[in-house]
Protein backbone atom coordinates (compact mmCIF):
# COMPACT_ATOMS: atom_id res chain seq x y z
CA MET A 1 22.62 20.38 -23.22
CA ALA A 2 20.76 16.89 -22.52
CA GLU A 3 18.46 16.16 -19.87
CA SER A 4 19.77 14.56 -16.63
CA ASN A 5 19.19 10.88 -15.89
CA PHE A 6 19.02 11.43 -12.18
CA VAL A 7 15.59 12.02 -10.77
CA ASP A 8 15.62 12.36 -6.73
CA TYR A 9 12.39 13.91 -6.49
CA VAL A 10 8.89 13.58 -8.40
CA LYS A 11 5.06 13.63 -7.91
CA ILE A 12 2.82 11.16 -9.15
CA TYR A 13 -0.80 10.43 -8.74
CA CYS A 14 -2.13 7.46 -7.52
CA ARG A 15 -5.62 5.92 -6.78
CA SER A 16 -6.79 2.93 -5.40
CA GLY A 17 -9.41 0.61 -6.84
CA LYS A 18 -13.73 1.24 -5.93
CA GLY A 19 -14.76 -1.70 -4.68
CA GLY A 20 -17.79 -3.69 -6.97
CA ARG A 21 -21.52 -3.97 -6.57
CA GLY A 22 -23.77 -6.02 -4.49
CA SER A 23 -25.85 -8.02 -6.23
CA THR A 24 -29.58 -7.72 -6.28
CA HIS A 25 -29.84 -11.17 -8.61
CA PHE A 26 -32.60 -14.02 -7.93
CA ARG A 27 -32.67 -17.80 -7.71
CA ARG A 28 -34.14 -19.32 -10.75
CA GLU A 29 -34.52 -22.55 -11.21
CA LYS A 30 -37.09 -25.88 -12.77
CA TYR A 31 -39.52 -26.36 -10.76
CA ILE A 32 -38.38 -23.85 -7.17
CA PRO A 33 -40.52 -20.80 -8.15
CA LYS A 34 -39.45 -18.83 -5.54
CA GLY A 35 -35.92 -19.14 -4.98
CA GLY A 36 -34.78 -16.51 -3.12
CA PRO A 37 -31.91 -13.82 -3.30
CA ASP A 38 -29.12 -14.85 -4.22
CA GLY A 39 -26.91 -12.40 -5.12
CA GLY A 40 -22.82 -12.14 -4.15
CA ASP A 41 -21.17 -8.94 -2.79
CA GLY A 42 -18.61 -6.94 -4.81
CA GLY A 43 -14.93 -8.08 -5.51
CA ARG A 44 -12.16 -5.61 -3.38
CA GLY A 45 -10.81 -3.24 -5.42
CA GLY A 46 -6.69 -2.48 -5.93
CA HIS A 47 -4.61 -1.12 -3.53
CA VAL A 48 -1.52 0.79 -3.93
CA TYR A 49 1.71 -0.30 -2.52
CA ILE A 50 5.46 1.61 -2.61
CA ARG A 51 7.87 -1.29 -2.39
CA ALA A 52 11.74 -0.53 -2.05
CA ASN A 53 14.31 -1.88 -5.06
CA ARG A 54 17.82 -2.02 -4.22
CA ASN A 55 17.94 -2.11 -8.22
CA TYR A 56 16.47 1.20 -8.73
CA TRP A 57 18.85 4.07 -7.88
CA THR A 58 16.63 7.14 -8.95
CA LEU A 59 13.25 8.04 -10.12
CA LEU A 60 13.48 8.37 -13.58
CA HIS A 61 10.72 5.70 -14.52
CA LEU A 62 8.35 7.42 -12.46
CA ARG A 63 9.13 10.69 -14.86
CA TYR A 64 7.10 9.40 -17.33
CA ASP A 65 4.74 6.92 -15.51
CA ARG A 66 3.15 9.64 -13.12
CA HIS A 67 -0.47 7.84 -12.58
CA ILE A 68 -0.61 4.94 -11.04
CA ILE A 69 -4.48 3.74 -10.65
CA ALA A 70 -5.53 0.65 -9.53
CA THR A 71 -8.39 -2.02 -11.27
CA PRO A 72 -12.08 -1.74 -9.52
CA GLY A 73 -12.90 -4.96 -7.90
CA GLY A 74 -15.75 -6.89 -9.87
CA GLY A 75 -19.31 -6.70 -9.17
CA GLY A 76 -21.05 -9.92 -7.52
CA SER A 77 -23.79 -12.62 -10.02
CA GLY A 78 -25.96 -14.92 -9.15
CA LYS A 79 -25.37 -18.24 -6.86
CA ARG A 80 -23.80 -16.02 -4.22
CA SER A 81 -20.43 -15.30 -6.21
CA THR A 82 -18.68 -12.93 -5.08
CA GLY A 83 -16.50 -10.82 -7.75
CA ALA A 84 -12.48 -10.51 -8.41
CA ASP A 85 -10.88 -8.54 -6.49
CA GLY A 86 -8.95 -5.62 -8.74
CA GLU A 87 -5.59 -5.78 -9.60
CA ASP A 88 -2.77 -4.20 -7.49
CA ARG A 89 -0.41 -1.54 -8.15
CA VAL A 90 2.90 -2.10 -7.06
CA ILE A 91 5.47 0.94 -7.08
CA GLU A 92 9.17 0.16 -7.26
CA VAL A 93 11.39 3.21 -5.81
CA PRO A 94 15.03 2.90 -4.84
CA VAL A 95 15.99 2.40 -0.78
CA GLY A 96 15.95 5.68 0.84
CA THR A 97 13.07 6.67 -0.90
CA VAL A 98 10.65 9.13 1.50
CA VAL A 99 7.01 10.01 0.80
CA TYR A 100 5.41 13.28 1.57
CA ASP A 101 1.67 14.67 0.85
CA ALA A 102 2.15 16.55 -2.44
CA GLU A 103 -0.57 19.29 -0.83
CA THR A 104 0.36 19.50 2.61
CA GLY A 105 3.81 18.68 2.84
CA GLU A 106 3.33 16.19 5.24
CA PHE A 107 4.81 13.30 5.97
CA ILE A 108 3.85 10.15 4.61
CA MET A 109 6.66 7.02 4.87
CA ASP A 110 10.59 6.13 4.64
CA LEU A 111 11.52 2.91 2.63
CA LYS A 112 14.84 2.16 3.85
CA GLU A 113 15.20 -1.93 3.24
CA ASP A 114 15.53 -3.47 0.36
CA GLY A 115 11.90 -5.71 0.07
CA GLN A 116 9.92 -2.94 2.28
CA GLN A 117 6.76 -2.77 1.29
CA GLU A 118 3.94 -0.45 2.92
CA ILE A 119 0.48 0.50 1.71
CA LEU A 120 -0.14 3.72 0.50
CA LEU A 121 -3.84 3.87 -0.27
CA ARG A 122 -6.27 0.92 0.39
CA GLY A 123 -9.05 0.20 -2.08
CA GLY A 124 -12.79 -0.32 -1.13
CA ARG A 125 -14.47 -2.99 0.66
CA GLY A 126 -17.09 -4.74 -2.17
CA GLY A 127 -20.54 -4.07 -1.48
CA LYS A 128 -23.32 -6.48 -0.21
CA GLY A 129 -25.46 -8.53 -2.09
CA ASN A 130 -29.47 -9.03 -1.60
CA THR A 131 -28.67 -12.34 0.38
CA HIS A 132 -27.48 -9.99 3.59
CA PHE A 133 -30.94 -8.18 3.54
CA LYS A 134 -33.52 -10.85 4.29
CA THR A 135 -35.50 -11.05 6.81
CA SER A 136 -38.81 -13.19 8.07
CA THR A 137 -40.49 -9.57 6.91
CA ASN A 138 -38.82 -8.90 4.07
CA GLN A 139 -37.72 -12.36 1.77
CA ALA A 140 -36.68 -10.62 -1.70
CA PRO A 141 -34.80 -7.76 -0.94
CA ARG A 142 -34.69 -5.92 -4.75
CA TYR A 143 -31.41 -3.79 -3.41
CA ALA A 144 -27.34 -4.19 -2.44
CA GLN A 145 -24.91 -2.31 -1.18
CA PRO A 146 -22.48 0.11 -3.91
CA GLY A 147 -18.67 -1.00 -3.44
CA GLU A 148 -16.91 1.71 -1.55
CA PRO A 149 -15.03 4.63 -2.76
CA ALA A 150 -11.79 4.54 -4.51
CA GLN A 151 -8.93 6.20 -2.38
CA GLU A 152 -6.57 8.65 -4.66
CA ARG A 153 -3.69 10.79 -3.21
CA THR A 154 -1.14 12.98 -4.87
CA VAL A 155 2.14 12.13 -3.34
CA ILE A 156 6.17 13.26 -3.65
CA LEU A 157 8.47 11.24 -3.69
CA GLN A 158 11.75 12.33 -2.54
CA LEU A 159 14.68 10.30 -2.83
CA LYS A 160 17.67 10.53 0.08
CA MET A 161 20.44 8.38 -1.37
CA LEU A 162 22.62 5.66 1.08
CA ALA A 163 26.31 6.29 1.12
CA ASP A 164 28.79 5.01 4.01
CA VAL A 165 31.03 8.64 3.09
CA GLY A 166 29.38 11.77 1.90
CA LEU A 167 32.07 14.75 0.65
CA VAL A 168 31.22 17.88 1.52
CA GLY A 169 33.03 20.91 0.22
CA LEU A 170 32.66 24.44 -1.26
CA PRO A 171 33.25 24.02 -5.37
CA ASN A 172 35.86 22.83 -6.98
CA ALA A 173 37.71 21.31 -3.62
CA GLY A 174 38.91 18.28 -5.26
CA LYS A 175 35.71 16.26 -4.47
CA SER A 176 35.21 14.54 -7.99
CA THR A 177 38.63 14.15 -8.97
CA LEU A 178 38.54 12.11 -5.02
CA LEU A 179 35.92 9.91 -6.32
CA SER A 180 37.16 9.56 -10.16
CA VAL A 181 40.84 8.13 -8.75
CA LEU A 182 39.50 6.07 -5.41
CA THR A 183 36.51 4.35 -7.44
CA ALA A 184 35.87 3.59 -11.30
CA ALA A 185 33.34 6.61 -11.41
CA LYS A 186 33.37 8.93 -13.71
CA PRO A 187 32.29 12.32 -12.89
CA LYS A 188 32.97 15.55 -14.77
CA ILE A 189 35.43 17.28 -13.37
CA ALA A 190 36.99 21.19 -14.95
CA ASN A 191 37.98 24.20 -13.54
CA TYR A 192 35.00 25.72 -12.97
CA PRO A 193 32.75 26.13 -9.63
CA PHE A 194 29.13 23.87 -9.64
CA THR A 195 30.92 21.02 -12.36
CA THR A 196 29.09 18.50 -10.16
CA LEU A 197 25.34 19.33 -10.23
CA GLU A 198 23.61 15.71 -9.20
CA PRO A 199 25.55 13.46 -6.61
CA ASN A 200 27.43 10.60 -7.36
CA LEU A 201 28.43 7.17 -6.21
CA GLY A 202 31.78 5.43 -6.58
CA MET A 203 32.50 1.94 -4.52
CA VAL A 204 35.68 2.56 -2.79
CA LEU A 205 37.56 -1.56 -3.11
CA TYR A 206 39.49 -2.13 -0.11
CA ARG A 207 41.78 -4.75 1.86
CA ASP A 208 40.56 -8.28 1.91
CA ASN A 209 37.71 -7.51 -0.17
CA ARG A 210 36.25 -5.09 1.38
CA SER A 211 34.02 -2.22 0.11
CA PHE A 212 32.63 0.84 0.85
CA VAL A 213 30.39 3.25 -0.84
CA MET A 214 31.19 6.74 -1.36
CA ALA A 215 29.08 10.01 -2.66
CA ASP A 216 29.73 13.60 -4.25
CA ILE A 217 27.45 15.58 -3.12
CA PRO A 218 27.17 19.10 -5.10
CA GLY A 219 29.06 21.79 -3.91
CA ILE A 220 27.96 23.77 -0.62
CA ILE A 221 28.21 27.71 -0.91
CA GLU A 222 27.23 30.16 2.34
CA GLY A 223 23.75 30.43 3.00
CA ALA A 224 23.08 27.02 0.95
CA SER A 225 20.81 26.15 3.65
CA GLU A 226 18.51 28.84 2.79
CA GLY A 227 18.28 27.70 -0.57
CA ARG A 228 21.72 29.48 -2.01
CA GLY A 229 23.32 27.97 -4.47
CA LEU A 230 21.83 24.81 -5.56
CA GLY A 231 20.13 25.25 -1.87
CA LEU A 232 18.01 22.41 -0.38
CA ARG A 233 18.06 19.68 -3.42
CA PHE A 234 21.22 17.44 -2.57
CA LEU A 235 21.63 18.01 0.80
CA ARG A 236 19.30 15.72 1.79
CA HIS A 237 21.70 13.28 0.59
CA ILE A 238 24.50 14.12 3.15
CA GLU A 239 21.80 12.73 5.98
CA ARG A 240 21.90 9.20 4.87
CA ASN A 241 25.54 9.11 5.10
CA ALA A 242 27.73 7.18 8.00
CA LEU A 243 30.36 9.62 7.65
CA LEU A 244 31.07 12.47 6.75
CA LEU A 245 34.24 13.62 4.73
CA PHE A 246 35.26 17.48 4.86
CA MET A 247 37.34 18.88 2.01
CA ILE A 248 39.11 21.99 2.06
CA PRO A 249 41.68 22.40 -0.06
CA ALA A 250 45.13 23.66 1.17
CA ASP A 251 45.45 27.37 -0.45
CA THR A 252 42.37 28.39 1.16
CA GLU A 253 43.33 31.45 3.87
CA HIS A 254 42.11 30.28 6.64
CA ILE A 255 41.15 26.43 6.52
CA ALA A 256 39.29 26.50 10.07
CA ARG A 257 36.56 29.28 9.68
CA GLU A 258 36.03 27.11 6.07
CA TYR A 259 35.71 24.25 8.28
CA GLU A 260 33.04 25.98 10.72
CA LEU A 261 30.96 27.65 7.20
CA LEU A 262 30.02 23.82 5.94
CA LEU A 263 29.32 22.30 9.41
CA GLY A 264 27.03 25.01 10.28
CA GLU A 265 25.43 24.92 6.81
CA LEU A 266 24.60 21.57 7.62
CA VAL A 267 23.62 22.37 11.36
CA LYS A 268 21.49 24.19 9.90
CA TYR A 269 19.56 22.20 7.80
CA ASN A 270 19.03 19.32 9.95
CA ALA A 271 20.84 20.02 13.92
CA GLU A 272 21.42 15.88 14.03
CA LEU A 273 24.17 15.92 11.37
CA ALA A 274 26.23 17.84 14.42
CA ASP A 275 26.63 13.95 15.55
CA LYS A 276 27.88 12.07 12.74
CA ARG A 277 31.52 11.04 12.36
CA LYS A 278 33.66 13.37 10.39
CA VAL A 279 37.22 13.55 9.05
CA LEU A 280 39.20 16.73 7.17
CA ALA A 281 40.84 15.92 4.20
CA ILE A 282 43.46 18.93 3.34
CA THR A 283 42.95 18.36 -0.24
CA LYS A 284 45.55 19.84 -2.90
CA CYS A 285 48.71 19.53 -1.34
CA ASP A 286 50.85 18.75 -3.96
CA LEU A 287 51.56 22.09 -4.11
CA ILE A 288 53.17 22.53 -0.95
CA ASP A 289 55.75 21.16 0.85
CA GLU A 290 55.94 19.25 4.59
CA GLU A 291 57.08 22.32 6.49
CA LEU A 292 54.42 24.09 5.20
CA GLN A 293 51.86 21.30 5.90
CA GLU A 294 53.52 21.49 9.70
CA LEU A 295 52.21 25.07 9.90
CA LEU A 296 48.22 24.69 9.16
CA ARG A 297 47.96 21.91 11.48
CA GLN A 298 48.31 24.45 14.13
CA ASP A 299 45.01 26.25 12.99
CA LEU A 300 43.17 23.07 12.59
CA PRO A 301 39.65 22.60 14.41
CA GLU A 302 40.69 20.11 17.23
CA GLY A 303 39.63 16.56 18.50
CA LEU A 304 38.78 15.69 14.22
CA PRO A 305 40.98 13.85 12.53
CA VAL A 306 43.00 15.73 9.38
CA ILE A 307 44.60 14.34 6.88
CA PHE A 308 46.84 16.21 4.31
CA ILE A 309 45.93 14.20 0.17
CA SER A 310 46.45 15.03 -2.97
CA SER A 311 43.95 13.29 -5.56
CA ALA A 312 46.29 14.19 -8.66
CA ALA A 313 49.42 12.61 -7.05
CA HIS A 314 48.37 9.85 -4.98
CA MET A 315 49.38 11.03 -2.00
CA ASN A 316 48.55 9.75 1.03
CA LEU A 317 45.12 7.89 -0.68
CA VAL A 318 45.80 4.60 0.96
CA GLU A 319 45.83 5.88 3.93
CA LEU A 320 42.96 7.67 3.66
CA LYS A 321 40.91 4.63 2.77
CA ASP A 322 42.86 3.52 6.33
CA LEU A 323 41.23 6.32 8.09
CA LEU A 324 38.05 6.71 6.39
CA TRP A 325 37.70 1.90 7.34
CA LYS A 326 38.79 2.87 11.09
CA GLU A 327 36.02 5.41 11.57
CA LEU A 328 33.34 3.66 9.71
CA SER A 329 34.16 0.81 11.41
CA ARG A 330 33.88 2.74 15.51
CA GLU A 331 30.82 2.34 17.23
CA THR A 332 28.64 5.40 16.38
CA LYS A 333 25.26 6.95 17.69
CA HIS A 334 23.86 8.14 14.78
CA GLN A 335 21.24 5.95 13.24
CA VAL A 336 18.97 5.63 10.30
CA GLU A 337 15.89 5.53 12.76
CA SER A 338 16.58 8.34 14.39
CA ILE A 339 16.21 10.71 11.67
CA VAL A 340 13.53 13.44 12.60
CA TYR A 341 11.14 14.05 9.58
CA LYS A 342 9.63 17.31 8.99
CA ALA A 343 6.90 18.16 6.48
CA MET A 344 8.23 19.68 2.82
CA ASP A 345 8.17 23.13 1.96
CA ILE A 346 6.81 22.71 -1.79
CA GLN A 347 6.73 25.90 -2.51
CA SER A 348 10.45 25.19 -2.66
CA LEU A 349 10.41 22.19 -4.95
CA GLN A 350 9.73 23.15 -9.53
CA TRP A 351 8.12 21.13 -11.41
CA ASP A 352 8.46 20.64 -14.96
CA ASP A 353 5.11 19.97 -15.41
CA ASP A 354 2.96 21.30 -12.27
CA ASP A 355 -0.47 20.84 -14.12
CA LEU A 356 -0.76 16.78 -13.29
CA ARG A 357 -4.23 15.97 -14.67
CA VAL A 358 -6.46 13.70 -12.59
CA PRO A 359 -7.65 10.88 -15.12
CA ALA A 360 -11.40 10.88 -14.64
CA TYR A 361 -13.23 7.72 -13.18
CA GLU A 362 -14.58 4.72 -16.15
CA ASP A 363 -18.05 3.90 -15.56
CA GLU A 364 -18.35 0.79 -13.72
CA ASP A 365 -19.69 -1.97 -15.79
CA GLU A 366 -23.01 -3.07 -13.23
CA GLY A 367 -23.42 -6.78 -15.47
CA GLU A 368 -26.87 -8.20 -15.82
CA ASP A 369 -27.30 -8.88 -12.33
CA TYR A 370 -27.43 -5.82 -10.93
CA HIS A 371 -31.19 -4.03 -10.25
CA HIS A 372 -32.14 -0.90 -9.05
CA TYR A 373 -34.97 -1.02 -6.68
CA GLY A 374 -36.78 1.84 -8.88
CA ASP A 375 -36.09 4.11 -11.20
CA ASP A 376 -33.77 6.90 -8.98
CA TRP A 377 -32.00 4.65 -6.17
CA GLY A 378 -29.15 6.94 -5.15
CA ALA A 379 -29.53 5.13 -1.78
CA ASP A 380 -26.78 6.76 0.62
CA VAL A 381 -23.68 4.86 2.17
CA GLU A 382 -22.22 5.38 5.61
CA TRP A 383 -19.48 3.48 6.96
CA ASP A 384 -20.38 3.79 10.56
CA GLY A 385 -21.97 0.81 12.08
CA ASP A 386 -21.61 -2.77 13.39
CA GLU A 387 -25.11 -3.53 12.11
CA VAL A 388 -26.93 -2.87 8.61
CA GLU A 389 -30.05 -0.86 9.76
CA LEU A 390 -32.70 -0.22 7.03
CA ASP A 391 -35.18 2.67 7.21
CA TRP A 392 -37.47 3.29 4.24
CA ASP A 393 -41.10 3.99 3.86
CA GLU A 394 -42.80 0.72 2.44
CA SER A 395 -45.60 3.75 0.28
CA GLU A 396 -42.22 4.89 -1.46
CA ASP A 397 -39.91 1.93 -2.47
CA ASP A 398 -37.25 4.52 -4.05
CA ASP A 399 -36.03 6.51 -1.00
CA ILE A 400 -33.56 3.69 0.79
CA GLU A 401 -30.68 4.93 3.34
CA ILE A 402 -28.02 1.55 3.63
CA GLU A 403 -25.42 1.53 6.46
CA TRP A 404 -22.18 0.02 6.02
CA ASP A 405 -20.76 -2.67 8.58
CA GLU A 406 -17.67 -1.64 8.91
CA ALA A 407 -16.39 -5.07 10.71
CA ASP A 408 -16.60 -6.84 7.09
CA ASP A 409 -13.59 -5.79 5.70
CA LYS A 410 -11.52 -7.80 3.32
């Protein structure tokens, strides 16, 4: 069986660039015997951004590019020259992508609009050159700050498809057939359960050059909110739909009971789905006459728009589009921003290659103008001070502790 191109979640490793080292260079020119320190600062490490792009529909492009690593900042040099900043990395994802921490399952961010860009990891700040450490009593400092370390994180990108109308029903309810008739989509259609193994999108053309997006969600069975069948993998796509079209075949023994079952599974997954607009479509009505349709109306749920359709016979499809457009145009309390984001259950996901290997750090090129103060420099770095404080024993030049200036952040 060929591997599907629809990828709606992927795990990637991200690392920002570390900051460049400060320089310990001294001015050396003819007729200037004591030029003093002129070492420049190190460059900032590259950031890692995530940006929503409407031209992407799945996360397939990230399946085989799962290591996103920004470049480190360049080291400082003489004449107070600052090192080059590291190159930023931008991760392009489809609109509707949600980012979670791969270790804890914690929610990080949600990208809901095209062009929305958020920073995932900040690059390390560049270290200060020896120019910053000269004083009246120490006019020739032979030490500089190293760059701030890089940040690294393994994240899970999860796609929740954006659609105006979501088709909800048990397997073999006629969802794929309806999508193929109303749109140009070509989903797989067959007479056995779980024909649809991945969501399908289609554009429904309406009057006056208007249109709306319809999503075919794989069949839901009893216990789907607990992981049965295709489980929780595709239930999340329903959260983005503005309107839910419940589809139940006309030959179902208890239509109202099946509707309550479907609605109950959605509410168990996310209680806010109960507030969405809902329409009930009784499918395969070419098998019954009008008299039987009137008898079925007596047992249908109250307060819910109901329509009898047949995709194969093209029965009441125009009326269905009118009803869906009317419901979509109505004011609704549902807002995308009101969705409550819960932590992800990482144990429920299955990965093709779970041992995501972490690339090793590359040794930084310190340059010719970087000098250690002694053979074993090894200064401890702390980023929790407003001023730089230097404490050392003048009799032991090798033991130097430097605290960072927190106010200087590029």
